[in-house]
């Protein structure tokens, strides 16, 4: 019961972060739904799915430690601002570690911006299967939702363009197996969501 309440509190904070920026409305919700779609297709064990579900909701919780002016900036970030944004996975990891019972989610949150071929953040050396599967899933779903969402400095990509970008970056930025699952699952999933 206490664990459920704590997760609910953190989830509320994640949604507050989303609602503070009109461009991010429902971001955590969509990342969670897309991530669960992939988990089911991969037939992951229930315990792992639960960890990925919670981590997908909380993946950006670390942005609570970033200046709101940077998060809501209506233009591209400069290098100094970008360096601060890149701290959010580690800040989020520290937040969930402090609970004492969300340890399974910590590495998923920490590496959700890791690149499949290396060079991501916060650890540019981690790559491939060394990246937790939950992080590899969230990397794809987070990127897809970001690409298809309006930003003050750029228009949203069409669904088709965003899917093409996932395919183009498959094997470099993204795990190719997860991209394939998403590409093959998204149209039917999208149809169900819009009913």
N, C-alpha and C. Protein backbone atom coordinates (compact mmCIF):
# COMPACT_ATOMS: atom_id res chain seq x y z
N UNK A 1 0.82 -1.20 0.00
CA UNK A 1 0.00 0.00 0.00
C UNK A 1 0.86 1.26 0.00
N UNK A 2 1.89 1.27 0.84
CA UNK A 2 2.79 2.43 0.91
C UNK A 2 3.53 2.59 -0.41
N UNK A 3 3.98 1.46 -0.98
CA UNK A 3 4.70 1.51 -2.27
C UNK A 3 3.79 2.09 -3.34
N UNK A 4 2.54 1.64 -3.38
CA UNK A 4 1.60 2.14 -4.39
C UNK A 4 1.39 3.64 -4.23
N UNK A 5 1.28 4.12 -2.99
CA UNK A 5 1.09 5.56 -2.75
C UNK A 5 2.32 6.36 -3.20
N UNK A 6 3.51 5.81 -2.93
CA UNK A 6 4.73 6.52 -3.31
C UNK A 6 4.84 6.61 -4.83
N UNK A 7 4.54 5.49 -5.51
CA UNK A 7 4.56 5.49 -6.98
C UNK A 7 3.54 6.48 -7.51
N UNK A 8 2.36 6.54 -6.89
CA UNK A 8 1.32 7.48 -7.31
C UNK A 8 1.79 8.93 -7.14
N UNK A 9 2.48 9.20 -6.04
CA UNK A 9 3.03 10.55 -5.81
C UNK A 9 4.03 10.92 -6.89
N UNK A 10 4.97 10.01 -7.19
CA UNK A 10 5.97 10.28 -8.22
C UNK A 10 5.31 10.42 -9.59
N UNK A 11 4.30 9.59 -9.84
CA UNK A 11 3.57 9.69 -11.11
C UNK A 11 2.89 11.05 -11.23
N UNK A 12 2.32 11.53 -10.14
CA UNK A 12 1.69 12.86 -10.14
C UNK A 12 2.72 13.94 -10.46
N UNK A 13 3.92 13.80 -9.90
CA UNK A 13 4.99 14.76 -10.20
C UNK A 13 5.37 14.71 -11.67
N UNK A 14 5.44 13.50 -12.22
CA UNK A 14 5.77 13.36 -13.65
C UNK A 14 4.72 14.05 -14.51
N UNK A 15 3.45 13.91 -14.15
CA UNK A 15 2.39 14.55 -14.92
C UNK A 15 2.39 16.06 -14.72
N UNK A 16 2.83 16.53 -13.57
CA UNK A 16 2.97 17.98 -13.35
C UNK A 16 4.04 18.54 -14.29
N UNK A 17 5.14 17.80 -14.44
CA UNK A 17 6.19 18.22 -15.38
C UNK A 17 5.61 18.32 -16.78
N UNK A 18 4.83 17.30 -17.18
CA UNK A 18 4.20 17.32 -18.50
C UNK A 18 3.26 18.51 -18.66
N UNK A 19 2.42 18.74 -17.65
CA UNK A 19 1.41 19.79 -17.79
C UNK A 19 1.99 21.19 -17.69
N UNK A 20 3.21 21.31 -17.18
CA UNK A 20 3.83 22.64 -17.09
C UNK A 20 4.29 23.15 -18.46
N UNK A 21 4.30 22.26 -19.43
CA UNK A 21 4.75 22.61 -20.77
C UNK A 21 3.70 22.13 -21.76
N UNK A 22 3.05 23.06 -22.43
CA UNK A 22 1.95 22.72 -23.34
C UNK A 22 2.39 21.74 -24.42
N UNK A 23 3.67 21.76 -24.80
CA UNK A 23 4.17 20.88 -25.84
C UNK A 23 4.34 19.44 -25.35
N UNK A 24 4.35 19.24 -24.04
CA UNK A 24 4.60 17.91 -23.49
C UNK A 24 3.33 17.26 -22.93
N UNK A 25 2.18 17.86 -23.12
CA UNK A 25 0.95 17.31 -22.55
C UNK A 25 0.79 15.85 -22.94
N UNK A 26 0.53 15.02 -21.95
CA UNK A 26 0.28 13.59 -22.12
C UNK A 26 1.51 12.81 -22.61
N UNK A 27 2.69 13.43 -22.56
CA UNK A 27 3.90 12.76 -23.04
C UNK A 27 4.16 11.46 -22.27
N UNK A 28 4.17 11.53 -20.94
CA UNK A 28 4.45 10.32 -20.14
C UNK A 28 3.40 9.24 -20.39
N UNK A 29 2.15 9.66 -20.52
CA UNK A 29 1.07 8.72 -20.79
C UNK A 29 1.32 7.98 -22.11
N UNK A 30 1.67 8.73 -23.16
CA UNK A 30 1.88 8.11 -24.47
C UNK A 30 3.12 7.21 -24.46
N UNK A 31 4.20 7.67 -23.82
CA UNK A 31 5.41 6.84 -23.73
C UNK A 31 5.10 5.54 -22.99
N UNK A 32 4.31 5.63 -21.93
CA UNK A 32 3.92 4.42 -21.19
C UNK A 32 3.13 3.47 -22.09
N UNK A 33 2.13 3.99 -22.79
CA UNK A 33 1.27 3.13 -23.63
C UNK A 33 2.07 2.48 -24.75
N UNK A 34 2.91 3.25 -25.43
CA UNK A 34 3.73 2.68 -26.50
C UNK A 34 4.71 1.63 -25.95
N UNK A 35 5.28 1.93 -24.79
CA UNK A 35 6.26 1.01 -24.18
C UNK A 35 5.60 -0.31 -23.79
N UNK A 36 4.40 -0.23 -23.22
CA UNK A 36 3.69 -1.45 -22.85
C UNK A 36 3.32 -2.26 -24.08
N UNK A 37 2.98 -1.60 -25.17
CA UNK A 37 2.69 -2.28 -26.43
C UNK A 37 3.90 -3.12 -26.85
N UNK A 38 5.08 -2.53 -26.78
CA UNK A 38 6.31 -3.24 -27.16
C UNK A 38 6.61 -4.38 -26.19
N UNK A 39 6.47 -4.10 -24.89
CA UNK A 39 6.72 -5.15 -23.87
C UNK A 39 5.88 -6.39 -24.14
N UNK A 40 4.62 -6.18 -24.46
CA UNK A 40 3.72 -7.32 -24.70
C UNK A 40 4.13 -8.08 -25.94
N UNK A 41 4.51 -7.36 -26.99
CA UNK A 41 4.96 -8.02 -28.23
C UNK A 41 6.23 -8.83 -27.98
N UNK A 42 7.08 -8.33 -27.07
CA UNK A 42 8.33 -9.03 -26.74
C UNK A 42 8.11 -10.17 -25.74
N UNK A 43 6.88 -10.24 -25.20
CA UNK A 43 6.54 -11.26 -24.20
C UNK A 43 7.50 -11.24 -23.00
N UNK A 44 7.75 -10.03 -22.51
CA UNK A 44 8.62 -9.88 -21.34
C UNK A 44 7.89 -10.39 -20.09
N UNK A 45 8.65 -10.82 -19.07
CA UNK A 45 8.01 -11.29 -17.83
C UNK A 45 7.25 -10.16 -17.14
N UNK A 46 6.17 -10.50 -16.41
CA UNK A 46 5.34 -9.47 -15.75
C UNK A 46 6.12 -8.52 -14.86
N UNK A 47 7.09 -9.03 -14.11
CA UNK A 47 7.87 -8.16 -13.23
C UNK A 47 8.66 -7.11 -14.03
N UNK A 48 9.22 -7.53 -15.16
CA UNK A 48 9.97 -6.60 -16.01
C UNK A 48 9.03 -5.59 -16.65
N UNK A 49 7.86 -6.05 -17.07
CA UNK A 49 6.88 -5.13 -17.66
C UNK A 49 6.47 -4.07 -16.63
N UNK A 50 6.27 -4.49 -15.39
CA UNK A 50 5.89 -3.54 -14.33
C UNK A 50 6.98 -2.48 -14.15
N UNK A 51 8.24 -2.92 -14.13
CA UNK A 51 9.35 -1.98 -13.96
C UNK A 51 9.41 -1.00 -15.13
N UNK A 52 9.21 -1.50 -16.34
CA UNK A 52 9.25 -0.63 -17.54
C UNK A 52 8.06 0.32 -17.54
N UNK A 53 6.90 -0.17 -17.12
CA UNK A 53 5.70 0.68 -17.03
C UNK A 53 5.96 1.88 -16.12
N UNK A 54 6.48 1.62 -14.93
CA UNK A 54 6.73 2.71 -13.98
C UNK A 54 7.85 3.62 -14.48
N UNK A 55 8.92 3.01 -15.01
CA UNK A 55 10.04 3.82 -15.53
C UNK A 55 9.61 4.68 -16.71
N UNK A 56 8.70 4.18 -17.55
CA UNK A 56 8.26 4.98 -18.70
C UNK A 56 7.46 6.20 -18.25
N UNK A 57 6.72 6.06 -17.16
CA UNK A 57 5.99 7.20 -16.60
C UNK A 57 6.96 8.20 -15.97
N UNK A 58 8.00 7.66 -15.31
CA UNK A 58 8.93 8.50 -14.54
C UNK A 58 10.21 8.86 -15.30
N UNK A 59 10.31 8.50 -16.59
CA UNK A 59 11.59 8.67 -17.28
C UNK A 59 12.11 10.11 -17.27
N UNK A 60 11.21 11.08 -17.25
CA UNK A 60 11.64 12.49 -17.25
C UNK A 60 11.51 13.16 -15.88
N UNK A 61 11.32 12.38 -14.82
CA UNK A 61 11.13 12.95 -13.48
C UNK A 61 12.32 13.84 -13.09
N UNK A 62 13.49 13.54 -13.62
CA UNK A 62 14.69 14.34 -13.32
C UNK A 62 14.60 15.77 -13.82
N UNK A 63 13.67 16.05 -14.72
CA UNK A 63 13.52 17.42 -15.22
C UNK A 63 13.00 18.35 -14.14
N UNK A 64 12.52 17.76 -13.04
CA UNK A 64 12.09 18.57 -11.91
C UNK A 64 13.28 19.35 -11.32
N UNK A 65 14.49 18.85 -11.58
CA UNK A 65 15.70 19.51 -11.09
C UNK A 65 16.34 20.44 -12.09
N UNK A 66 15.67 20.68 -13.22
CA UNK A 66 16.19 21.55 -14.28
C UNK A 66 15.38 22.84 -14.29
N UNK A 67 16.07 23.96 -14.48
CA UNK A 67 15.42 25.27 -14.54
C UNK A 67 14.27 25.25 -15.54
N UNK A 68 13.09 25.67 -15.09
CA UNK A 68 11.89 25.66 -15.93
C UNK A 68 12.05 26.54 -17.17
N UNK A 69 12.85 27.61 -17.07
CA UNK A 69 13.08 28.47 -18.23
C UNK A 69 13.78 27.71 -19.36
N UNK A 70 14.62 26.75 -18.99
CA UNK A 70 15.30 25.93 -20.00
C UNK A 70 14.30 24.95 -20.60
N UNK A 71 13.52 24.29 -19.75
CA UNK A 71 12.56 23.29 -20.23
C UNK A 71 11.52 23.93 -21.16
N UNK A 72 11.09 25.16 -20.83
CA UNK A 72 10.03 25.81 -21.60
C UNK A 72 10.57 26.79 -22.65
N UNK A 73 11.87 26.80 -22.86
CA UNK A 73 12.45 27.77 -23.80
C UNK A 73 11.82 27.62 -25.19
N UNK A 74 11.33 28.73 -25.77
CA UNK A 74 10.65 28.65 -27.07
C UNK A 74 11.61 28.71 -28.26
N UNK A 75 12.80 28.18 -28.08
CA UNK A 75 13.81 28.16 -29.15
C UNK A 75 14.75 27.00 -28.87
N UNK A 76 15.64 26.74 -29.81
CA UNK A 76 16.61 25.67 -29.60
C UNK A 76 17.52 26.03 -28.43
N UNK A 77 17.96 25.02 -27.72
CA UNK A 77 18.83 25.25 -26.56
C UNK A 77 20.25 25.54 -27.00
N UNK A 78 20.94 26.41 -26.23
CA UNK A 78 22.36 26.63 -26.50
C UNK A 78 23.15 25.51 -25.82
N UNK A 79 24.46 25.38 -26.09
CA UNK A 79 25.24 24.27 -25.54
C UNK A 79 25.20 24.17 -24.01
N UNK A 80 25.21 25.29 -23.32
CA UNK A 80 25.17 25.27 -21.86
C UNK A 80 23.82 24.74 -21.35
N UNK A 81 22.74 25.19 -21.98
CA UNK A 81 21.40 24.72 -21.60
C UNK A 81 21.24 23.23 -21.92
N UNK A 82 21.76 22.83 -23.07
CA UNK A 82 21.68 21.43 -23.47
C UNK A 82 22.44 20.55 -22.47
N UNK A 83 23.58 21.03 -21.98
CA UNK A 83 24.35 20.28 -20.98
C UNK A 83 23.53 20.08 -19.71
N UNK A 84 22.75 21.08 -19.34
CA UNK A 84 21.90 20.96 -18.13
C UNK A 84 20.76 19.96 -18.36
N UNK A 85 20.13 20.02 -19.52
CA UNK A 85 19.05 19.08 -19.84
C UNK A 85 19.56 17.64 -19.80
N UNK A 86 20.79 17.45 -20.25
CA UNK A 86 21.36 16.10 -20.30
C UNK A 86 21.61 15.50 -18.91
N UNK A 87 21.43 16.30 -17.87
CA UNK A 87 21.57 15.81 -16.49
C UNK A 87 20.30 15.10 -16.01
N UNK A 88 19.18 15.28 -16.70
CA UNK A 88 17.91 14.80 -16.15
C UNK A 88 17.85 13.28 -15.94
N UNK A 89 18.50 12.43 -16.76
CA UNK A 89 18.43 11.00 -16.44
C UNK A 89 19.10 10.65 -15.11
N UNK A 90 20.21 11.31 -14.81
CA UNK A 90 20.90 11.03 -13.54
C UNK A 90 20.13 11.61 -12.35
N UNK A 91 19.56 12.79 -12.54
CA UNK A 91 18.74 13.38 -11.46
C UNK A 91 17.55 12.46 -11.18
N UNK A 92 16.89 12.00 -12.25
CA UNK A 92 15.76 11.08 -12.10
C UNK A 92 16.15 9.79 -11.42
N UNK A 93 17.32 9.26 -11.78
CA UNK A 93 17.83 8.04 -11.16
C UNK A 93 18.00 8.24 -9.66
N UNK A 94 18.57 9.36 -9.27
CA UNK A 94 18.78 9.66 -7.85
C UNK A 94 17.44 9.79 -7.11
N UNK A 95 16.45 10.38 -7.77
CA UNK A 95 15.13 10.53 -7.14
C UNK A 95 14.53 9.16 -6.84
N UNK A 96 14.51 8.27 -7.84
CA UNK A 96 13.88 6.96 -7.61
C UNK A 96 14.70 6.09 -6.66
N UNK A 97 16.02 6.26 -6.67
CA UNK A 97 16.85 5.47 -5.74
C UNK A 97 16.56 5.84 -4.29
N UNK A 98 16.19 7.09 -4.04
CA UNK A 98 15.91 7.53 -2.68
C UNK A 98 14.68 6.87 -2.08
N UNK A 99 13.82 6.30 -2.93
CA UNK A 99 12.63 5.63 -2.40
C UNK A 99 13.00 4.35 -1.66
N UNK A 100 14.08 3.70 -2.10
CA UNK A 100 14.49 2.45 -1.48
C UNK A 100 13.78 1.23 -2.03
N UNK A 101 12.78 1.41 -2.90
CA UNK A 101 12.09 0.23 -3.44
C UNK A 101 11.81 0.35 -4.94
N UNK A 102 12.38 1.34 -5.59
CA UNK A 102 12.23 1.45 -7.04
C UNK A 102 13.57 1.22 -7.74
N UNK A 103 14.42 0.43 -7.09
CA UNK A 103 15.77 0.20 -7.63
C UNK A 103 15.76 -0.39 -9.04
N UNK A 104 14.76 -1.23 -9.35
CA UNK A 104 14.69 -1.83 -10.69
C UNK A 104 14.50 -0.78 -11.78
N UNK A 105 13.86 0.33 -11.43
CA UNK A 105 13.57 1.37 -12.41
C UNK A 105 14.77 2.30 -12.63
N UNK A 106 15.66 2.38 -11.65
CA UNK A 106 16.77 3.35 -11.71
C UNK A 106 17.61 3.21 -12.98
N UNK A 107 18.12 2.00 -13.31
CA UNK A 107 18.94 1.91 -14.53
C UNK A 107 18.15 2.16 -15.81
N UNK A 108 16.86 1.82 -15.79
CA UNK A 108 16.03 2.07 -16.98
C UNK A 108 15.94 3.58 -17.23
N UNK A 109 15.69 4.32 -16.17
CA UNK A 109 15.60 5.78 -16.27
C UNK A 109 16.96 6.38 -16.63
N UNK A 110 18.00 5.88 -16.00
CA UNK A 110 19.35 6.43 -16.23
C UNK A 110 19.77 6.35 -17.69
N UNK A 111 19.42 5.24 -18.35
CA UNK A 111 19.95 5.01 -19.70
C UNK A 111 18.92 5.19 -20.81
N UNK A 112 17.81 5.90 -20.56
CA UNK A 112 16.81 6.02 -21.61
C UNK A 112 17.24 6.94 -22.76
N UNK A 113 18.39 7.62 -22.60
CA UNK A 113 18.96 8.39 -23.71
C UNK A 113 20.28 7.78 -24.20
N UNK A 114 20.53 6.51 -23.82
CA UNK A 114 21.70 5.81 -24.35
C UNK A 114 21.43 5.46 -25.81
N UNK A 115 22.45 5.54 -26.63
CA UNK A 115 22.32 5.18 -28.05
C UNK A 115 22.75 3.74 -28.26
N UNK A 116 22.06 3.04 -29.13
CA UNK A 116 22.34 1.62 -29.35
C UNK A 116 23.79 1.40 -29.79
N UNK A 117 24.35 2.32 -30.59
CA UNK A 117 25.73 2.16 -31.04
C UNK A 117 26.72 2.98 -30.20
N UNK A 118 26.28 3.46 -29.03
CA UNK A 118 27.14 4.24 -28.13
C UNK A 118 27.05 5.73 -28.42
N UNK A 119 27.57 6.50 -27.47
CA UNK A 119 27.62 7.94 -27.66
C UNK A 119 26.45 8.70 -27.06
N UNK A 120 25.51 8.00 -26.40
CA UNK A 120 24.39 8.69 -25.77
C UNK A 120 24.80 9.27 -24.42
N UNK A 121 23.82 9.65 -23.64
CA UNK A 121 24.13 10.19 -22.31
C UNK A 121 23.26 9.53 -21.27
N UNK A 122 23.70 9.45 -20.02
CA UNK A 122 24.88 10.10 -19.42
C UNK A 122 26.20 9.34 -19.62
N UNK A 123 26.16 8.11 -20.12
CA UNK A 123 27.38 7.31 -20.29
C UNK A 123 27.55 6.96 -21.76
N UNK A 124 28.43 7.67 -22.47
CA UNK A 124 28.58 7.42 -23.91
C UNK A 124 29.18 6.06 -24.25
N UNK A 125 29.74 5.38 -23.25
CA UNK A 125 30.38 4.09 -23.52
C UNK A 125 29.42 2.90 -23.51
N UNK A 126 28.26 3.07 -22.91
CA UNK A 126 27.30 1.95 -22.85
C UNK A 126 26.59 1.84 -24.20
N UNK A 127 26.45 0.60 -24.69
CA UNK A 127 25.79 0.42 -25.99
C UNK A 127 25.25 -1.00 -26.13
N UNK A 128 24.46 -1.20 -27.16
CA UNK A 128 23.93 -2.51 -27.49
C UNK A 128 23.15 -3.15 -26.36
N UNK A 129 23.37 -4.45 -26.20
CA UNK A 129 22.64 -5.23 -25.20
C UNK A 129 23.02 -4.86 -23.76
N UNK A 130 24.10 -4.09 -23.59
CA UNK A 130 24.47 -3.63 -22.24
C UNK A 130 23.48 -2.60 -21.71
N UNK A 131 22.75 -1.95 -22.61
CA UNK A 131 21.71 -0.99 -22.21
C UNK A 131 20.49 -1.80 -21.76
N UNK A 132 19.91 -1.50 -20.59
CA UNK A 132 18.72 -2.25 -20.16
C UNK A 132 17.63 -2.22 -21.24
N UNK A 133 16.95 -3.35 -21.40
CA UNK A 133 15.91 -3.44 -22.44
C UNK A 133 14.84 -2.37 -22.24
N UNK A 134 14.50 -2.05 -20.99
CA UNK A 134 13.51 -1.01 -20.73
C UNK A 134 13.98 0.35 -21.25
N UNK A 135 15.25 0.63 -21.10
CA UNK A 135 15.81 1.89 -21.61
C UNK A 135 15.75 1.92 -23.13
N UNK A 136 16.05 0.79 -23.76
CA UNK A 136 16.02 0.72 -25.23
C UNK A 136 14.59 0.91 -25.75
N UNK A 137 13.62 0.38 -25.01
CA UNK A 137 12.22 0.56 -25.40
C UNK A 137 11.81 2.02 -25.24
N UNK A 138 12.11 2.61 -24.10
CA UNK A 138 11.72 4.01 -23.83
C UNK A 138 12.45 4.96 -24.78
N UNK A 139 13.66 4.64 -25.15
CA UNK A 139 14.40 5.47 -26.11
C UNK A 139 13.60 5.62 -27.40
N UNK A 140 13.02 4.52 -27.88
CA UNK A 140 12.23 4.54 -29.12
C UNK A 140 10.91 5.28 -28.91
N UNK A 141 10.18 4.93 -27.86
CA UNK A 141 8.85 5.51 -27.67
C UNK A 141 8.91 6.99 -27.30
N UNK A 142 9.92 7.37 -26.51
CA UNK A 142 10.13 8.77 -26.15
C UNK A 142 10.45 9.60 -27.39
N UNK A 143 11.34 9.06 -28.24
CA UNK A 143 11.72 9.78 -29.46
C UNK A 143 10.53 9.93 -30.40
N UNK A 144 9.74 8.86 -30.54
CA UNK A 144 8.59 8.92 -31.44
C UNK A 144 7.61 9.99 -30.98
N UNK A 145 7.29 10.00 -29.67
CA UNK A 145 6.34 10.99 -29.20
C UNK A 145 6.91 12.40 -29.32
N UNK A 146 8.20 12.56 -29.04
CA UNK A 146 8.82 13.88 -29.18
C UNK A 146 8.76 14.37 -30.63
N UNK A 147 9.04 13.47 -31.57
CA UNK A 147 9.03 13.86 -32.99
C UNK A 147 7.63 14.23 -33.47
N UNK A 148 6.60 13.57 -32.94
CA UNK A 148 5.24 13.82 -33.41
C UNK A 148 4.50 14.88 -32.58
N UNK A 149 5.24 15.55 -31.70
CA UNK A 149 4.67 16.62 -30.88
C UNK A 149 5.18 17.97 -31.34
N UNK A 150 4.31 18.94 -31.31
CA UNK A 150 4.65 20.32 -31.68
C UNK A 150 5.67 20.88 -30.69
N UNK A 151 6.62 21.63 -31.19
CA UNK A 151 7.57 22.35 -30.35
C UNK A 151 7.57 23.81 -30.76
N UNK A 152 7.90 24.73 -29.85
CA UNK A 152 7.88 26.15 -30.22
C UNK A 152 8.84 26.46 -31.37
N UNK A 153 9.91 25.68 -31.50
CA UNK A 153 10.94 25.95 -32.50
C UNK A 153 10.85 25.05 -33.73
N UNK A 154 9.84 24.13 -33.77
CA UNK A 154 9.66 23.30 -34.95
C UNK A 154 8.27 22.66 -34.94
N UNK A 155 7.78 22.39 -36.12
CA UNK A 155 6.47 21.74 -36.26
C UNK A 155 6.61 20.25 -35.95
N UNK A 156 5.53 19.64 -35.56
CA UNK A 156 5.51 18.20 -35.33
C UNK A 156 5.70 17.48 -36.66
N UNK A 157 6.42 16.38 -36.61
CA UNK A 157 6.53 15.53 -37.80
C UNK A 157 5.23 14.74 -37.96
N UNK A 158 4.92 14.38 -39.18
CA UNK A 158 3.79 13.48 -39.40
C UNK A 158 4.17 12.10 -38.83
N UNK A 159 3.15 11.29 -38.57
CA UNK A 159 3.40 9.93 -38.10
C UNK A 159 4.32 9.19 -39.06
N UNK A 160 4.05 9.31 -40.36
CA UNK A 160 4.84 8.61 -41.38
C UNK A 160 6.29 9.06 -41.34
N UNK A 161 6.52 10.37 -41.20
CA UNK A 161 7.90 10.88 -41.17
C UNK A 161 8.63 10.42 -39.91
N UNK A 162 7.92 10.39 -38.78
CA UNK A 162 8.54 9.94 -37.52
C UNK A 162 8.88 8.46 -37.59
N UNK A 163 7.98 7.65 -38.15
CA UNK A 163 8.27 6.22 -38.30
C UNK A 163 9.46 6.01 -39.23
N UNK A 164 9.53 6.81 -40.29
CA UNK A 164 10.67 6.72 -41.23
C UNK A 164 11.97 7.09 -40.53
N UNK A 165 11.92 8.07 -39.63
CA UNK A 165 13.12 8.48 -38.89
C UNK A 165 13.57 7.37 -37.93
N UNK A 166 12.61 6.71 -37.27
CA UNK A 166 12.97 5.57 -36.41
C UNK A 166 13.69 4.51 -37.24
N UNK A 167 13.14 4.23 -38.42
CA UNK A 167 13.74 3.22 -39.30
C UNK A 167 15.14 3.64 -39.74
N UNK A 168 15.29 4.92 -40.08
CA UNK A 168 16.59 5.43 -40.53
C UNK A 168 17.65 5.30 -39.44
N UNK A 169 17.24 5.51 -38.19
CA UNK A 169 18.19 5.48 -37.06
C UNK A 169 18.26 4.12 -36.37
N UNK A 170 17.57 3.12 -36.95
CA UNK A 170 17.61 1.77 -36.41
C UNK A 170 19.02 1.20 -36.53
N UNK A 171 19.54 0.71 -35.41
CA UNK A 171 20.90 0.16 -35.40
C UNK A 171 21.95 1.18 -35.02
N UNK A 172 21.61 2.46 -35.09
CA UNK A 172 22.55 3.50 -34.64
C UNK A 172 22.04 4.08 -33.33
N UNK A 173 21.01 4.89 -33.39
CA UNK A 173 20.44 5.44 -32.16
C UNK A 173 19.56 4.42 -31.43
N UNK A 174 18.83 3.62 -32.20
CA UNK A 174 17.82 2.74 -31.63
C UNK A 174 18.13 1.26 -31.85
N UNK A 175 17.66 0.44 -30.90
CA UNK A 175 17.75 -1.02 -31.02
C UNK A 175 16.89 -1.45 -32.21
N UNK A 176 17.50 -2.11 -33.22
CA UNK A 176 16.72 -2.46 -34.42
C UNK A 176 15.55 -3.40 -34.15
N UNK A 177 15.70 -4.31 -33.22
CA UNK A 177 14.59 -5.23 -32.90
C UNK A 177 13.39 -4.45 -32.36
N UNK A 178 13.66 -3.49 -31.48
CA UNK A 178 12.57 -2.72 -30.88
C UNK A 178 11.93 -1.80 -31.92
N UNK A 179 12.74 -1.23 -32.79
CA UNK A 179 12.19 -0.40 -33.87
C UNK A 179 11.27 -1.26 -34.75
N UNK A 180 11.71 -2.45 -35.11
CA UNK A 180 10.89 -3.33 -35.95
C UNK A 180 9.55 -3.64 -35.28
N UNK A 181 9.60 -3.94 -33.98
CA UNK A 181 8.36 -4.23 -33.25
C UNK A 181 7.45 -3.01 -33.27
N UNK A 182 8.02 -1.84 -33.02
CA UNK A 182 7.20 -0.62 -33.01
C UNK A 182 6.60 -0.35 -34.38
N UNK A 183 7.42 -0.46 -35.42
CA UNK A 183 6.94 -0.20 -36.78
C UNK A 183 5.82 -1.15 -37.17
N UNK A 184 5.94 -2.41 -36.75
CA UNK A 184 4.95 -3.42 -37.11
C UNK A 184 3.70 -3.36 -36.23
N UNK A 185 3.80 -2.70 -35.08
CA UNK A 185 2.69 -2.66 -34.13
C UNK A 185 1.95 -1.33 -34.12
N UNK A 186 2.64 -0.26 -34.44
CA UNK A 186 2.07 1.07 -34.26
C UNK A 186 0.75 1.29 -35.01
N UNK A 187 0.63 0.95 -36.29
CA UNK A 187 -0.63 1.26 -36.99
C UNK A 187 -1.86 0.66 -36.32
N UNK A 188 -1.79 -0.62 -35.94
CA UNK A 188 -2.95 -1.25 -35.30
C UNK A 188 -3.19 -0.67 -33.92
N UNK A 189 -2.11 -0.34 -33.21
CA UNK A 189 -2.23 0.26 -31.88
C UNK A 189 -2.89 1.63 -31.99
N UNK A 190 -2.42 2.42 -32.95
CA UNK A 190 -2.94 3.77 -33.15
C UNK A 190 -4.44 3.71 -33.47
N UNK A 191 -4.83 2.74 -34.29
CA UNK A 191 -6.24 2.59 -34.67
C UNK A 191 -7.10 2.30 -33.42
N UNK A 192 -6.62 1.43 -32.54
CA UNK A 192 -7.35 1.12 -31.32
C UNK A 192 -7.48 2.34 -30.42
N UNK A 193 -6.37 3.13 -30.29
CA UNK A 193 -6.37 4.30 -29.41
C UNK A 193 -7.34 5.37 -29.89
N UNK A 194 -7.54 5.47 -31.19
CA UNK A 194 -8.36 6.55 -31.73
C UNK A 194 -9.85 6.21 -31.81
N UNK A 195 -10.22 4.99 -31.42
CA UNK A 195 -11.63 4.60 -31.45
C UNK A 195 -12.39 5.29 -30.33
